[in-house]
Each structure stands twice: as C-alpha cells, then as structure tokens.
Amino acid sequence: MRLRYVDGQYDYVKNHPKGIVEPQDYEYSIREKFKNDNLLHVELGCGKGRFIRGMAANNPGINFLGFEKSIKVAYRCVKCCSDDNVKNYYIVYSNGDVLSEIFPEKSIERIYLNFSDPWPKPSHYKRRLTHKGFLDIYRKVLKDNGEIHMKTDNNDLFEYSVEQFEQDNWDLVLVTRDLHNSEYSEGNIMTEYEEKFSESGKKINKLIARKR
C-alpha cells in the first residue's frame, strides 16, 4: 500500500523526542543522545519500527538506532513510538550510506538488515545494502568481531548476499534458508513484513556475518 504524504511530517519527526533528522549535523556525537556508553546496534530500513522497538524493550542495556530513508515511513514509525516507554532507541530519518560520516570507526557492535529492497535489476545491484560498497562502510564502523544480521524473503538477494560476504572475507557464522523452522527461531522478533510473508507461506532467510 502506497503511503500518503502528510503535511508537516518532517517537522513532526524532527521535533519528536524519539526522532532524529540531519544526523550528519551531530559530527560523530550522535550516540551521546543516549547519555551512556552502552553497546550500539543499528537497523538500516526500520520500517514502522516493530523490530527495533521489540529489540530495545528486550535489551535495555543496549542502545538502538533505526534508520529509515522514507520520510513517510519514518513519520509513521515515530508516531508509533509515542505509545511506549522504552528509552533506549531513536528513529533516524536518513540513508544508511551516511554511517561512516556520523559514527567513529569501530563504534557499532551490530547492524541489522531486515527485508531490504532487493533491487532486482542488474543495473541497480550497487544499491543493494550487501553490495561491496556498503560492506566497506560497515567494516569501517563495526567493532572488531562486529556482526551484520540479515533477514529477507527474497532468495535471489539472499544468495547474492552470501556470495558478497564470502568474497569480502567476512565470517558467515549463521546461514539458514528457513528461519522459522530452524533451531535459530527462538527469540526471533518479527518485522511487519516478516509476519506478512511468513503467514503467506514464504520461507525466511537469515544470515549472520562477522567482521574479521
């Protein structure tokens, strides 16, 4: 369903206590929003925020930032944040390619890529969040032994991603092509898309790639 533009949604995100816009303005100090030195996890493409809210609620000792490049989606995500009392997450209206501009090297413990756009056309491969160009960014900001956790229903994107991680010398510590019927399903927090795809009978792929 195509989301409707709402007047003032940028200002709403900007002024909301859970919203962050123009993250480049923080000049490497964005994590100071949390006022602690807890570990930092980042989700790229947080959608309406179900996953990151659930992760934050279940892990109060970890800080979470959910990035969303669509202002329409970020607006609806931030509106949902008004209903909880979870303190350890923010929603960032921005593309994920700015990570190296706003985070110091080796400052993020984990990055989540949940149901990212598969960009199926060959001419669009460089836009995939597991393309070598993005992996270079992740490698820079992830701590030593930091991890990327990826879930997708798109088999072509998944196989492409497995190949990209292997070629770029990441350690694949988990690979499953049927998450919900695997030993790794316990504790899994579903995104909105994940629930929809799973109910329709689609198998969910998951991998964990660790920085060497």
N, C-alpha and C. Protein backbone atom coordinates (compact mmCIF):
# COMPACT_ATOMS: atom_id res chain seq x y z
N MET A 1 0.85 -1.19 0.00
CA MET A 1 0.00 0.00 0.00
C MET A 1 0.88 1.25 0.00
N ARG A 2 0.58 2.16 -0.92
CA ARG A 2 1.36 3.38 -1.02
C ARG A 2 0.96 4.35 0.09
N LEU A 3 1.96 4.84 0.80
CA LEU A 3 1.69 5.74 1.92
C LEU A 3 1.39 7.15 1.44
N ARG A 4 0.47 7.79 2.10
CA ARG A 4 0.07 9.15 1.75
C ARG A 4 0.99 10.16 2.42
N TYR A 5 1.36 11.19 1.67
CA TYR A 5 2.17 12.26 2.25
C TYR A 5 1.30 13.08 3.21
N VAL A 6 1.86 13.41 4.35
CA VAL A 6 1.16 14.20 5.36
C VAL A 6 1.91 15.51 5.55
N ASP A 7 1.22 16.61 5.46
CA ASP A 7 1.87 17.91 5.67
C ASP A 7 2.51 17.97 7.05
N GLY A 8 3.73 18.47 7.10
CA GLY A 8 4.41 18.66 8.36
C GLY A 8 5.07 17.43 8.94
N GLN A 9 5.16 16.34 8.15
CA GLN A 9 5.70 15.11 8.73
C GLN A 9 7.20 15.21 9.02
N TYR A 10 7.94 15.97 8.23
CA TYR A 10 9.36 16.16 8.53
C TYR A 10 9.53 16.87 9.87
N ASP A 11 8.78 17.94 10.08
CA ASP A 11 8.86 18.67 11.35
C ASP A 11 8.40 17.81 12.52
N TYR A 12 7.44 16.95 12.26
CA TYR A 12 6.97 16.06 13.32
C TYR A 12 8.09 15.14 13.78
N VAL A 13 8.80 14.53 12.81
CA VAL A 13 9.93 13.65 13.15
C VAL A 13 11.02 14.46 13.84
N LYS A 14 11.31 15.64 13.31
CA LYS A 14 12.38 16.48 13.87
C LYS A 14 12.11 16.86 15.32
N ASN A 15 10.87 17.14 15.65
CA ASN A 15 10.52 17.63 16.99
C ASN A 15 10.10 16.54 17.96
N HIS A 16 9.97 15.32 17.46
CA HIS A 16 9.55 14.22 18.32
C HIS A 16 10.73 13.78 19.20
N PRO A 17 10.50 13.46 20.47
CA PRO A 17 11.60 13.06 21.36
C PRO A 17 12.32 11.79 20.90
N LYS A 18 11.69 10.98 20.04
CA LYS A 18 12.32 9.78 19.53
C LYS A 18 12.87 9.96 18.11
N GLY A 19 12.73 11.14 17.54
CA GLY A 19 13.12 11.36 16.16
C GLY A 19 14.45 12.09 16.02
N ILE A 20 15.20 11.75 14.97
CA ILE A 20 16.45 12.44 14.63
C ILE A 20 16.45 12.68 13.12
N VAL A 21 16.70 13.90 12.71
CA VAL A 21 16.86 14.23 11.30
C VAL A 21 18.24 14.89 11.11
N GLU A 22 18.71 14.92 9.88
CA GLU A 22 20.03 15.51 9.58
C GLU A 22 21.11 14.97 10.53
N PRO A 23 21.30 13.65 10.57
CA PRO A 23 22.27 13.10 11.54
C PRO A 23 23.70 13.56 11.32
N GLN A 24 24.02 14.01 10.10
CA GLN A 24 25.38 14.50 9.83
C GLN A 24 25.74 15.69 10.70
N ASP A 25 24.73 16.42 11.15
CA ASP A 25 25.00 17.60 11.99
C ASP A 25 25.59 17.24 13.34
N TYR A 26 25.48 15.97 13.72
CA TYR A 26 25.99 15.57 15.03
C TYR A 26 27.51 15.40 15.05
N GLU A 27 28.14 15.26 13.87
CA GLU A 27 29.59 15.16 13.77
C GLU A 27 30.17 14.14 14.75
N TYR A 28 29.79 12.89 14.59
CA TYR A 28 30.29 11.77 15.39
C TYR A 28 29.78 11.75 16.83
N SER A 29 28.86 12.61 17.18
CA SER A 29 28.39 12.64 18.57
C SER A 29 26.95 12.15 18.72
N ILE A 30 26.42 11.48 17.70
CA ILE A 30 25.01 11.08 17.74
C ILE A 30 24.72 10.13 18.90
N ARG A 31 25.69 9.29 19.24
CA ARG A 31 25.43 8.33 20.33
C ARG A 31 25.34 9.01 21.68
N GLU A 32 25.75 10.27 21.76
CA GLU A 32 25.63 11.00 23.02
C GLU A 32 24.17 11.26 23.38
N LYS A 33 23.26 11.06 22.42
CA LYS A 33 21.83 11.18 22.72
C LYS A 33 21.42 10.23 23.85
N PHE A 34 22.13 9.12 23.98
CA PHE A 34 21.75 8.10 24.96
C PHE A 34 22.28 8.40 26.36
N LYS A 35 23.28 9.26 26.43
CA LYS A 35 23.87 9.64 27.73
C LYS A 35 24.41 8.44 28.51
N ASN A 36 24.97 7.49 27.77
CA ASN A 36 25.65 6.35 28.41
C ASN A 36 26.62 5.75 27.39
N ASP A 37 27.39 4.76 27.83
CA ASP A 37 28.38 4.12 26.97
C ASP A 37 27.98 2.69 26.61
N ASN A 38 26.70 2.41 26.60
CA ASN A 38 26.24 1.06 26.27
C ASN A 38 26.54 0.71 24.82
N LEU A 39 26.55 -0.57 24.52
CA LEU A 39 26.79 -1.03 23.16
C LEU A 39 25.73 -0.46 22.22
N LEU A 40 26.10 -0.29 20.96
CA LEU A 40 25.23 0.33 19.97
C LEU A 40 24.88 -0.64 18.86
N HIS A 41 23.59 -0.79 18.59
CA HIS A 41 23.08 -1.58 17.47
C HIS A 41 22.31 -0.66 16.53
N VAL A 42 22.45 -0.91 15.22
CA VAL A 42 21.83 -0.06 14.21
C VAL A 42 21.02 -0.91 13.25
N GLU A 43 19.79 -0.49 12.97
CA GLU A 43 18.97 -1.14 11.94
C GLU A 43 18.85 -0.21 10.75
N LEU A 44 19.14 -0.72 9.56
CA LEU A 44 19.00 0.06 8.34
C LEU A 44 17.71 -0.34 7.63
N GLY A 45 16.79 0.61 7.54
CA GLY A 45 15.48 0.32 6.97
C GLY A 45 14.56 -0.23 8.04
N CYS A 46 14.22 0.60 9.02
CA CYS A 46 13.47 0.10 10.19
C CYS A 46 11.96 0.05 9.95
N GLY A 47 11.49 0.55 8.79
CA GLY A 47 10.06 0.47 8.51
C GLY A 47 9.23 1.17 9.58
N LYS A 48 8.18 0.51 10.00
CA LYS A 48 7.32 1.10 11.02
C LYS A 48 7.81 0.84 12.44
N GLY A 49 8.97 0.19 12.58
CA GLY A 49 9.65 0.14 13.85
C GLY A 49 9.35 -1.02 14.77
N ARG A 50 8.58 -1.99 14.31
CA ARG A 50 8.21 -3.09 15.20
C ARG A 50 9.45 -3.84 15.70
N PHE A 51 10.39 -4.11 14.82
CA PHE A 51 11.58 -4.88 15.20
C PHE A 51 12.44 -4.11 16.20
N ILE A 52 12.76 -2.86 15.88
CA ILE A 52 13.67 -2.13 16.75
C ILE A 52 13.05 -1.81 18.10
N ARG A 53 11.74 -1.58 18.13
CA ARG A 53 11.08 -1.36 19.42
C ARG A 53 11.12 -2.62 20.26
N GLY A 54 10.89 -3.76 19.63
CA GLY A 54 10.94 -5.02 20.35
C GLY A 54 12.32 -5.34 20.86
N MET A 55 13.34 -5.10 20.01
CA MET A 55 14.72 -5.36 20.43
C MET A 55 15.12 -4.45 21.59
N ALA A 56 14.73 -3.18 21.50
CA ALA A 56 15.08 -2.24 22.56
C ALA A 56 14.40 -2.62 23.88
N ALA A 57 13.15 -3.00 23.80
CA ALA A 57 12.42 -3.38 25.01
C ALA A 57 13.02 -4.62 25.67
N ASN A 58 13.49 -5.56 24.84
CA ASN A 58 14.05 -6.80 25.36
C ASN A 58 15.50 -6.68 25.79
N ASN A 59 16.16 -5.59 25.37
CA ASN A 59 17.59 -5.42 25.66
C ASN A 59 17.85 -4.00 26.18
N PRO A 60 17.40 -3.69 27.39
CA PRO A 60 17.52 -2.32 27.91
C PRO A 60 18.96 -1.85 28.10
N GLY A 61 19.93 -2.77 28.10
CA GLY A 61 21.32 -2.38 28.26
C GLY A 61 22.04 -2.12 26.96
N ILE A 62 21.30 -2.09 25.85
CA ILE A 62 21.87 -1.82 24.53
C ILE A 62 21.15 -0.62 23.93
N ASN A 63 21.89 0.25 23.24
CA ASN A 63 21.31 1.39 22.55
C ASN A 63 20.99 1.02 21.10
N PHE A 64 19.85 1.48 20.60
CA PHE A 64 19.42 1.14 19.25
C PHE A 64 19.10 2.41 18.46
N LEU A 65 19.53 2.43 17.21
CA LEU A 65 19.18 3.48 16.25
C LEU A 65 18.58 2.82 15.01
N GLY A 66 17.36 3.22 14.65
CA GLY A 66 16.72 2.71 13.46
C GLY A 66 16.72 3.75 12.36
N PHE A 67 17.38 3.45 11.24
CA PHE A 67 17.47 4.37 10.12
C PHE A 67 16.35 4.07 9.12
N GLU A 68 15.71 5.13 8.63
CA GLU A 68 14.66 4.98 7.62
C GLU A 68 14.78 6.11 6.61
N LYS A 69 14.92 5.77 5.34
CA LYS A 69 15.18 6.78 4.31
C LYS A 69 13.93 7.45 3.77
N SER A 70 12.76 6.86 4.03
CA SER A 70 11.50 7.45 3.57
C SER A 70 10.88 8.27 4.69
N ILE A 71 10.64 9.55 4.44
CA ILE A 71 10.04 10.40 5.47
C ILE A 71 8.62 9.95 5.77
N LYS A 72 7.93 9.41 4.78
CA LYS A 72 6.57 8.93 5.03
C LYS A 72 6.57 7.78 6.02
N VAL A 73 7.54 6.87 5.86
CA VAL A 73 7.63 5.72 6.76
C VAL A 73 8.18 6.15 8.12
N ALA A 74 9.22 6.99 8.10
CA ALA A 74 9.80 7.47 9.37
C ALA A 74 8.75 8.18 10.22
N TYR A 75 7.90 8.95 9.57
CA TYR A 75 6.84 9.67 10.28
C TYR A 75 5.90 8.70 10.98
N ARG A 76 5.48 7.65 10.28
CA ARG A 76 4.57 6.69 10.89
C ARG A 76 5.27 5.86 11.96
N CYS A 77 6.55 5.61 11.76
CA CYS A 77 7.31 4.89 12.79
C CYS A 77 7.40 5.71 14.07
N VAL A 78 7.73 6.97 13.94
CA VAL A 78 7.87 7.84 15.11
C VAL A 78 6.53 7.99 15.83
N LYS A 79 5.44 8.07 15.08
CA LYS A 79 4.12 8.17 15.71
C LYS A 79 3.85 6.95 16.59
N CYS A 80 4.29 5.78 16.13
CA CYS A 80 4.09 4.57 16.93
C CYS A 80 4.92 4.60 18.20
N CYS A 81 6.03 5.34 18.17
CA CYS A 81 6.92 5.39 19.33
C CYS A 81 6.27 6.11 20.51
N SER A 82 5.26 6.89 20.23
CA SER A 82 4.63 7.67 21.29
C SER A 82 3.89 6.79 22.29
N ASP A 83 3.66 5.53 21.91
CA ASP A 83 2.85 4.65 22.75
C ASP A 83 3.66 3.80 23.71
N ASP A 84 5.00 3.94 23.72
CA ASP A 84 5.79 3.10 24.62
C ASP A 84 6.67 3.95 25.53
N ASN A 85 7.20 3.30 26.53
CA ASN A 85 8.08 3.97 27.50
C ASN A 85 9.51 3.47 27.39
N VAL A 86 9.86 2.88 26.25
CA VAL A 86 11.20 2.35 26.04
C VAL A 86 12.14 3.53 25.76
N LYS A 87 13.22 3.61 26.50
CA LYS A 87 14.09 4.79 26.44
C LYS A 87 15.32 4.62 25.57
N ASN A 88 15.67 3.41 25.17
CA ASN A 88 16.97 3.15 24.58
C ASN A 88 16.96 3.00 23.06
N TYR A 89 16.10 3.77 22.36
CA TYR A 89 16.17 3.76 20.90
C TYR A 89 15.67 5.10 20.33
N TYR A 90 16.18 5.39 19.13
CA TYR A 90 15.74 6.55 18.36
C TYR A 90 15.53 6.14 16.91
N ILE A 91 14.69 6.90 16.21
CA ILE A 91 14.45 6.70 14.79
C ILE A 91 15.14 7.82 14.02
N VAL A 92 15.97 7.45 13.06
CA VAL A 92 16.77 8.42 12.31
C VAL A 92 16.27 8.49 10.87
N TYR A 93 15.86 9.67 10.45
CA TYR A 93 15.46 9.86 9.06
C TYR A 93 16.71 10.12 8.22
N SER A 94 17.19 9.06 7.54
CA SER A 94 18.42 9.17 6.76
C SER A 94 18.68 7.88 6.02
N ASN A 95 19.51 7.96 4.98
CA ASN A 95 20.02 6.78 4.29
C ASN A 95 21.11 6.13 5.11
N GLY A 96 21.31 4.84 4.90
CA GLY A 96 22.34 4.13 5.62
C GLY A 96 23.75 4.40 5.14
N ASP A 97 23.90 5.03 3.97
CA ASP A 97 25.25 5.26 3.46
C ASP A 97 25.97 6.38 4.19
N VAL A 98 25.32 7.00 5.18
CA VAL A 98 25.98 8.07 5.94
C VAL A 98 26.65 7.54 7.21
N LEU A 99 26.63 6.24 7.42
CA LEU A 99 27.15 5.69 8.67
C LEU A 99 28.56 6.14 8.98
N SER A 100 29.43 6.09 7.96
CA SER A 100 30.83 6.45 8.21
C SER A 100 31.01 7.95 8.43
N GLU A 101 29.97 8.74 8.13
CA GLU A 101 30.04 10.18 8.34
C GLU A 101 29.60 10.58 9.75
N ILE A 102 28.87 9.69 10.42
CA ILE A 102 28.30 10.07 11.72
C ILE A 102 28.75 9.17 12.86
N PHE A 103 29.45 8.08 12.54
CA PHE A 103 29.95 7.19 13.59
C PHE A 103 31.46 7.05 13.47
N PRO A 104 32.16 7.12 14.58
CA PRO A 104 33.61 6.88 14.55
C PRO A 104 33.89 5.43 14.13
N GLU A 105 35.10 5.18 13.72
CA GLU A 105 35.49 3.82 13.37
C GLU A 105 35.35 2.90 14.59
N LYS A 106 34.91 1.68 14.31
CA LYS A 106 34.79 0.64 15.34
C LYS A 106 33.92 1.07 16.52
N SER A 107 32.77 1.64 16.23
CA SER A 107 31.90 2.13 17.31
C SER A 107 30.56 1.40 17.38
N ILE A 108 30.23 0.57 16.39
CA ILE A 108 28.95 -0.14 16.35
C ILE A 108 29.19 -1.62 16.55
N GLU A 109 28.40 -2.24 17.40
CA GLU A 109 28.55 -3.67 17.64
C GLU A 109 27.79 -4.51 16.60
N ARG A 110 26.62 -4.03 16.17
CA ARG A 110 25.80 -4.86 15.29
C ARG A 110 24.97 -3.99 14.36
N ILE A 111 24.80 -4.48 13.12
CA ILE A 111 23.95 -3.84 12.12
C ILE A 111 22.90 -4.85 11.67
N TYR A 112 21.64 -4.42 11.62
CA TYR A 112 20.55 -5.26 11.16
C TYR A 112 20.08 -4.81 9.78
N LEU A 113 19.94 -5.76 8.87
CA LEU A 113 19.38 -5.51 7.54
C LEU A 113 18.16 -6.41 7.40
N ASN A 114 16.99 -5.86 7.63
CA ASN A 114 15.76 -6.64 7.63
C ASN A 114 14.91 -6.32 6.42
N PHE A 115 14.76 -7.29 5.53
CA PHE A 115 13.86 -7.19 4.38
C PHE A 115 14.16 -5.93 3.56
N SER A 116 15.44 -5.77 3.25
CA SER A 116 15.89 -4.64 2.45
C SER A 116 15.37 -4.75 1.02
N ASP A 117 15.29 -3.62 0.34
CA ASP A 117 14.89 -3.59 -1.06
C ASP A 117 15.84 -4.49 -1.86
N PRO A 118 15.33 -5.48 -2.62
CA PRO A 118 16.22 -6.40 -3.36
C PRO A 118 16.86 -5.80 -4.61
N TRP A 119 16.34 -4.68 -5.09
CA TRP A 119 16.88 -4.06 -6.31
C TRP A 119 17.21 -5.12 -7.36
N PRO A 120 16.20 -5.75 -7.95
CA PRO A 120 16.43 -6.91 -8.82
C PRO A 120 17.10 -6.62 -10.16
N LYS A 121 17.03 -5.39 -10.66
CA LYS A 121 17.63 -5.10 -11.96
C LYS A 121 19.15 -5.12 -11.86
N PRO A 122 19.83 -5.75 -12.84
CA PRO A 122 21.31 -5.79 -12.81
C PRO A 122 21.94 -4.41 -12.71
N SER A 123 21.31 -3.41 -13.30
CA SER A 123 21.87 -2.06 -13.27
C SER A 123 21.76 -1.41 -11.89
N HIS A 124 21.00 -2.05 -10.99
CA HIS A 124 20.76 -1.47 -9.66
C HIS A 124 21.50 -2.22 -8.55
N TYR A 125 22.35 -3.17 -8.89
CA TYR A 125 22.99 -4.00 -7.87
C TYR A 125 23.77 -3.18 -6.85
N LYS A 126 24.34 -2.09 -7.27
CA LYS A 126 25.14 -1.29 -6.35
C LYS A 126 24.29 -0.63 -5.26
N ARG A 127 22.97 -0.65 -5.43
CA ARG A 127 22.09 -0.09 -4.41
C ARG A 127 21.74 -1.10 -3.32
N ARG A 128 22.05 -2.35 -3.57
CA ARG A 128 21.75 -3.38 -2.57
C ARG A 128 22.60 -3.14 -1.32
N LEU A 129 22.00 -3.29 -0.15
CA LEU A 129 22.69 -2.99 1.10
C LEU A 129 23.76 -4.01 1.45
N THR A 130 23.90 -5.07 0.63
CA THR A 130 25.01 -6.01 0.82
C THR A 130 25.99 -5.95 -0.34
N HIS A 131 25.93 -4.90 -1.13
CA HIS A 131 26.93 -4.70 -2.18
C HIS A 131 28.26 -4.33 -1.54
N LYS A 132 29.35 -4.60 -2.22
CA LYS A 132 30.69 -4.34 -1.70
C LYS A 132 30.85 -2.90 -1.22
N GLY A 133 30.23 -1.94 -1.89
CA GLY A 133 30.35 -0.55 -1.47
C GLY A 133 29.81 -0.32 -0.07
N PHE A 134 28.69 -0.98 0.26
CA PHE A 134 28.14 -0.86 1.60
C PHE A 134 28.94 -1.70 2.60
N LEU A 135 29.42 -2.85 2.19
CA LEU A 135 30.20 -3.68 3.10
C LEU A 135 31.46 -2.94 3.57
N ASP A 136 32.03 -2.13 2.69
CA ASP A 136 33.21 -1.33 3.08
C ASP A 136 32.85 -0.33 4.18
N ILE A 137 31.64 0.25 4.07
CA ILE A 137 31.19 1.19 5.10
C ILE A 137 30.97 0.46 6.42
N TYR A 138 30.29 -0.70 6.36
CA TYR A 138 30.03 -1.46 7.58
C TYR A 138 31.33 -1.87 8.26
N ARG A 139 32.28 -2.31 7.45
CA ARG A 139 33.55 -2.77 8.02
C ARG A 139 34.25 -1.65 8.79
N LYS A 140 34.10 -0.45 8.29
CA LYS A 140 34.76 0.70 8.92
C LYS A 140 34.14 1.03 10.28
N VAL A 141 32.83 1.00 10.39
CA VAL A 141 32.17 1.45 11.62
C VAL A 141 31.93 0.33 12.62
N LEU A 142 31.99 -0.93 12.18
CA LEU A 142 31.79 -2.04 13.10
C LEU A 142 33.03 -2.28 13.96
N LYS A 143 32.79 -2.67 15.19
CA LYS A 143 33.88 -3.07 16.06
C LYS A 143 34.51 -4.35 15.53
N ASP A 144 35.71 -4.67 16.00
CA ASP A 144 36.30 -5.96 15.68
C ASP A 144 35.35 -7.05 16.16
N ASN A 145 35.10 -8.03 15.29
CA ASN A 145 34.13 -9.10 15.54
C ASN A 145 32.69 -8.60 15.58
N GLY A 146 32.45 -7.37 15.12
CA GLY A 146 31.08 -6.88 14.99
C GLY A 146 30.34 -7.69 13.94
N GLU A 147 29.01 -7.65 14.01
CA GLU A 147 28.21 -8.53 13.17
C GLU A 147 27.15 -7.78 12.36
N ILE A 148 26.80 -8.38 11.23
CA ILE A 148 25.65 -7.97 10.43
C ILE A 148 24.63 -9.09 10.48
N HIS A 149 23.41 -8.78 10.90
CA HIS A 149 22.32 -9.75 10.94
C HIS A 149 21.34 -9.38 9.82
N MET A 150 21.12 -10.30 8.91
CA MET A 150 20.27 -10.01 7.75
C MET A 150 19.13 -11.02 7.67
N LYS A 151 17.92 -10.52 7.41
CA LYS A 151 16.77 -11.37 7.13
C LYS A 151 16.10 -10.89 5.85
N THR A 152 15.63 -11.85 5.05
CA THR A 152 14.93 -11.50 3.81
C THR A 152 14.10 -12.68 3.34
N ASP A 153 13.02 -12.37 2.63
CA ASP A 153 12.24 -13.41 1.98
C ASP A 153 12.69 -13.61 0.54
N ASN A 154 13.56 -12.73 0.05
CA ASN A 154 13.98 -12.75 -1.36
C ASN A 154 15.18 -13.67 -1.53
N ASN A 155 14.97 -14.80 -2.17
CA ASN A 155 16.03 -15.80 -2.31
C ASN A 155 17.19 -15.30 -3.15
N ASP A 156 16.91 -14.56 -4.21
CA ASP A 156 17.98 -14.06 -5.07
C ASP A 156 18.88 -13.09 -4.30
N LEU A 157 18.26 -12.19 -3.53
CA LEU A 157 19.04 -11.25 -2.73
C LEU A 157 19.87 -12.00 -1.69
N PHE A 158 19.28 -13.03 -1.10
CA PHE A 158 19.99 -13.77 -0.07
C PHE A 158 21.22 -14.48 -0.63
N GLU A 159 21.06 -15.17 -1.75
CA GLU A 159 22.20 -15.88 -2.35
C GLU A 159 23.27 -14.90 -2.80
N TYR A 160 22.84 -13.77 -3.35
CA TYR A 160 23.78 -12.72 -3.73
C TYR A 160 24.55 -12.23 -2.50
N SER A 161 23.85 -12.05 -1.40
CA SER A 161 24.47 -11.52 -0.18
C SER A 161 25.47 -12.51 0.41
N VAL A 162 25.09 -13.78 0.44
CA VAL A 162 26.02 -14.81 0.92
C VAL A 162 27.31 -14.77 0.11
N GLU A 163 27.17 -14.65 -1.20
CA GLU A 163 28.34 -14.59 -2.08
C GLU A 163 29.18 -13.35 -1.82
N GLN A 164 28.51 -12.21 -1.62
CA GLN A 164 29.23 -10.96 -1.36
C GLN A 164 30.04 -11.04 -0.06
N PHE A 165 29.44 -11.56 0.99
CA PHE A 165 30.14 -11.67 2.26
C PHE A 165 31.33 -12.62 2.16
N GLU A 166 31.15 -13.72 1.46
CA GLU A 166 32.25 -14.68 1.31
C GLU A 166 33.40 -14.06 0.53
N GLN A 167 33.07 -13.36 -0.56
CA GLN A 167 34.11 -12.76 -1.39
C GLN A 167 34.83 -11.63 -0.66
N ASP A 168 34.15 -11.00 0.29
CA ASP A 168 34.74 -9.86 1.00
C ASP A 168 35.37 -10.29 2.33
N ASN A 169 35.53 -11.59 2.51
CA ASN A 169 36.25 -12.13 3.67
C ASN A 169 35.58 -11.86 5.02
N TRP A 170 34.25 -11.97 5.04
CA TRP A 170 33.53 -11.97 6.30
C TRP A 170 33.32 -13.43 6.73
N ASP A 171 33.21 -13.65 8.02
CA ASP A 171 32.91 -14.98 8.52
C ASP A 171 31.40 -15.16 8.62
N LEU A 172 30.86 -16.13 7.90
CA LEU A 172 29.44 -16.43 7.97
C LEU A 172 29.22 -17.41 9.12
N VAL A 173 28.71 -16.92 10.22
CA VAL A 173 28.56 -17.75 11.42
C VAL A 173 27.17 -18.38 11.51
N LEU A 174 26.25 -17.90 10.68
CA LEU A 174 24.91 -18.49 10.63
C LEU A 174 24.34 -18.26 9.24
N VAL A 175 23.83 -19.32 8.64
CA VAL A 175 23.11 -19.22 7.37
C VAL A 175 21.96 -20.21 7.41
N THR A 176 20.74 -19.72 7.32
CA THR A 176 19.58 -20.60 7.25
C THR A 176 18.61 -20.05 6.21
N ARG A 177 18.02 -20.96 5.48
CA ARG A 177 17.05 -20.57 4.45
C ARG A 177 15.61 -20.85 4.88
N ASP A 178 15.45 -21.17 6.14
CA ASP A 178 14.11 -21.39 6.70
C ASP A 178 14.15 -21.08 8.19
N LEU A 179 14.27 -19.83 8.52
CA LEU A 179 14.50 -19.38 9.89
C LEU A 179 13.45 -19.91 10.85
N HIS A 180 12.19 -19.79 10.49
CA HIS A 180 11.12 -20.10 11.44
C HIS A 180 11.00 -21.59 11.75
N ASN A 181 11.59 -22.43 10.93
CA ASN A 181 11.59 -23.87 11.19
C ASN A 181 13.00 -24.36 11.51
N SER A 182 13.83 -23.48 12.02
CA SER A 182 15.21 -23.83 12.34
C SER A 182 15.45 -23.69 13.83
N GLU A 183 16.62 -24.13 14.27
CA GLU A 183 17.00 -24.02 15.67
C GLU A 183 17.24 -22.58 16.10
N TYR A 184 17.29 -21.66 15.11
CA TYR A 184 17.59 -20.26 15.41
C TYR A 184 16.34 -19.40 15.59
N SER A 185 15.17 -20.03 15.58
CA SER A 185 13.93 -19.26 15.63
C SER A 185 13.62 -18.71 17.02
N GLU A 186 14.17 -19.33 18.05
CA GLU A 186 13.86 -18.90 19.41
C GLU A 186 14.37 -17.47 19.66
N GLY A 187 13.50 -16.63 20.16
CA GLY A 187 13.86 -15.25 20.45
C GLY A 187 13.80 -14.33 19.25
N ASN A 188 13.40 -14.87 18.09
CA ASN A 188 13.32 -14.04 16.88
C ASN A 188 12.18 -13.04 17.00
N ILE A 189 12.49 -11.76 16.77
CA ILE A 189 11.46 -10.72 16.73
C ILE A 189 11.13 -10.41 15.28
N MET A 190 9.88 -10.57 14.92
CA MET A 190 9.49 -10.39 13.53
C MET A 190 9.24 -8.92 13.19
N THR A 191 9.57 -8.55 11.97
CA THR A 191 9.18 -7.26 11.44
C THR A 191 7.76 -7.38 10.90
N GLU A 192 7.19 -6.24 10.51
CA GLU A 192 5.86 -6.27 9.90
C GLU A 192 5.86 -7.09 8.62
N TYR A 193 6.88 -6.90 7.79
CA TYR A 193 6.98 -7.66 6.54
C TYR A 193 7.16 -9.15 6.83
N GLU A 194 7.98 -9.45 7.80
CA GLU A 194 8.26 -10.86 8.12
C GLU A 194 6.99 -11.60 8.50
N GLU A 195 6.17 -10.98 9.32
CA GLU A 195 4.92 -11.62 9.72
C GLU A 195 4.02 -11.84 8.51
N LYS A 196 3.94 -10.85 7.65
CA LYS A 196 3.10 -10.94 6.45
C LYS A 196 3.59 -12.06 5.53
N PHE A 197 4.89 -12.09 5.26
CA PHE A 197 5.44 -13.09 4.35
C PHE A 197 5.32 -14.49 4.94
N SER A 198 5.58 -14.60 6.24
CA SER A 198 5.51 -15.90 6.89
C SER A 198 4.09 -16.46 6.86
N GLU A 199 3.11 -15.61 7.10
CA GLU A 199 1.72 -16.06 7.08
C GLU A 199 1.28 -16.50 5.69
N SER A 200 1.93 -15.97 4.65
CA SER A 200 1.59 -16.36 3.28
C SER A 200 2.34 -17.61 2.84
N GLY A 201 3.16 -18.16 3.73
CA GLY A 201 3.86 -19.41 3.43
C GLY A 201 5.28 -19.26 2.94
N LYS A 202 5.78 -18.04 2.86
CA LYS A 202 7.15 -17.83 2.40
C LYS A 202 8.15 -18.21 3.49
N LYS A 203 9.26 -18.80 3.07
CA LYS A 203 10.34 -19.10 4.00
C LYS A 203 11.21 -17.86 4.18
N ILE A 204 11.71 -17.69 5.38
CA ILE A 204 12.52 -16.52 5.71
C ILE A 204 13.99 -16.93 5.80
N ASN A 205 14.84 -16.26 5.05
CA ASN A 205 16.27 -16.48 5.08
C ASN A 205 16.92 -15.59 6.15
N LYS A 206 17.95 -16.12 6.77
CA LYS A 206 18.71 -15.31 7.72
C LYS A 206 20.19 -15.68 7.66
N LEU A 207 21.03 -14.66 7.79
CA LEU A 207 22.47 -14.89 7.93
C LEU A 207 23.04 -13.95 8.98
N ILE A 208 24.12 -14.37 9.57
CA ILE A 208 24.93 -13.52 10.44
C ILE A 208 26.35 -13.53 9.90
N ALA A 209 26.85 -12.37 9.54
CA ALA A 209 28.21 -12.23 9.03
C ALA A 209 29.03 -11.45 10.05
N ARG A 210 30.21 -11.98 10.38
CA ARG A 210 31.06 -11.38 11.40
C ARG A 210 32.30 -10.76 10.76
N LYS A 211 32.61 -9.56 11.17
CA LYS A 211 33.80 -8.86 10.68
C LYS A 211 35.06 -9.55 11.19
N ARG A 212 35.98 -9.83 10.30
CA ARG A 212 37.26 -10.42 10.70
C ARG A 212 38.20 -9.35 11.21
